Amino acid sequence: MKGYINTNLIKTYLSKNNLSKTKFCKLSKITLHSFNNIISERYSNTNIEVFFRIARQMNLPIYKIFE
């Protein structure tokens, strides 16, 4: 299931908003472990709610974080 999430979009959001991974996770209400799995493209067992929370934090429709 590699390559379905636009991880560059998430990384760009972090850098543009000067957020650490930990701060982003707290704002999104997700675990750092889930975030790291998504960034390293190991998200086959990740709950779909995590993706919705990331999209909500980034003010994007959910389909935008999928490539």
Protein backbone atom coordinates (compact mmCIF):
# COMPACT_ATOMS: atom_id res chain seq x y z
CA MET A 1 0.00 0.00 0.00
CA LYS A 2 2.92 2.35 -0.59
CA GLY A 3 2.57 5.63 -2.40
CA TYR A 4 -1.11 6.41 -1.82
CA ILE A 5 -0.64 9.23 0.69
CA ASN A 6 0.92 12.51 -0.38
CA THR A 7 3.54 12.65 2.37
CA ASN A 8 5.26 15.62 0.72
CA LEU A 9 2.10 17.65 1.24
CA ILE A 10 2.19 16.85 4.96
CA LYS A 11 5.92 17.61 5.24
CA THR A 12 5.44 20.91 3.40
CA TYR A 13 2.60 21.86 5.74
CA LEU A 14 4.84 21.20 8.74
CA SER A 15 7.66 23.33 7.43
CA LYS A 16 5.46 26.22 6.22
CA ASN A 17 3.69 26.39 9.58
CA ASN A 18 6.87 25.87 11.58
CA LEU A 19 5.43 22.83 13.37
CA SER A 20 7.30 19.94 14.87
CA LYS A 21 5.93 16.44 14.39
CA THR A 22 4.98 16.33 18.06
CA LYS A 23 3.11 19.64 17.93
CA PHE A 24 1.28 18.62 14.75
CA CYS A 25 0.24 15.34 16.35
CA LYS A 26 -1.09 17.11 19.43
CA LEU A 27 -3.06 19.57 17.30
CA SER A 28 -4.41 16.74 15.14
CA LYS A 29 -5.09 14.48 18.12
CA ILE A 30 -3.17 11.56 16.66
CA THR A 31 -0.29 9.56 18.05
CA LEU A 32 3.29 10.19 17.03
CA HIS A 33 3.54 6.50 16.19
CA SER A 34 0.68 6.77 13.67
CA PHE A 35 2.21 9.90 12.18
CA ASN A 36 5.62 8.25 11.77
CA ASN A 37 4.00 5.23 10.13
CA ILE A 38 2.24 7.46 7.62
CA ILE A 39 5.36 9.47 6.79
CA SER A 40 7.38 6.28 6.29
CA GLU A 41 4.51 4.82 4.21
CA ARG A 42 3.74 1.96 6.59
CA TYR A 43 0.07 2.80 7.01
CA SER A 44 -1.74 -0.37 5.96
CA ASN A 45 -3.08 -0.90 9.51
CA THR A 46 -3.67 2.77 10.29
CA ASN A 47 -7.19 3.72 11.29
CA ILE A 48 -8.95 5.83 8.65
CA GLU A 49 -9.84 8.37 11.34
CA VAL A 50 -6.16 9.37 11.50
CA PHE A 51 -6.25 10.48 7.85
CA PHE A 52 -9.41 12.51 8.47
CA ARG A 53 -7.80 14.22 11.46
CA ILE A 54 -4.70 15.10 9.44
CA ALA A 55 -6.82 16.51 6.63
CA ARG A 56 -8.92 18.49 9.11
CA GLN A 57 -5.82 19.98 10.73
CA MET A 58 -4.47 20.97 7.32
CA ASN A 59 -7.86 22.44 6.29
CA LEU A 60 -8.03 20.15 3.27
CA PRO A 61 -10.70 17.86 1.93
CA ILE A 62 -9.72 14.26 2.64
CA TYR A 63 -9.11 13.38 -1.00
CA LYS A 64 -6.31 15.98 -1.25
CA ILE A 65 -3.94 13.97 0.97
CA PHE A 66 -4.27 10.94 -1.29
CA GLU A 67 -2.20 10.90 -4.46
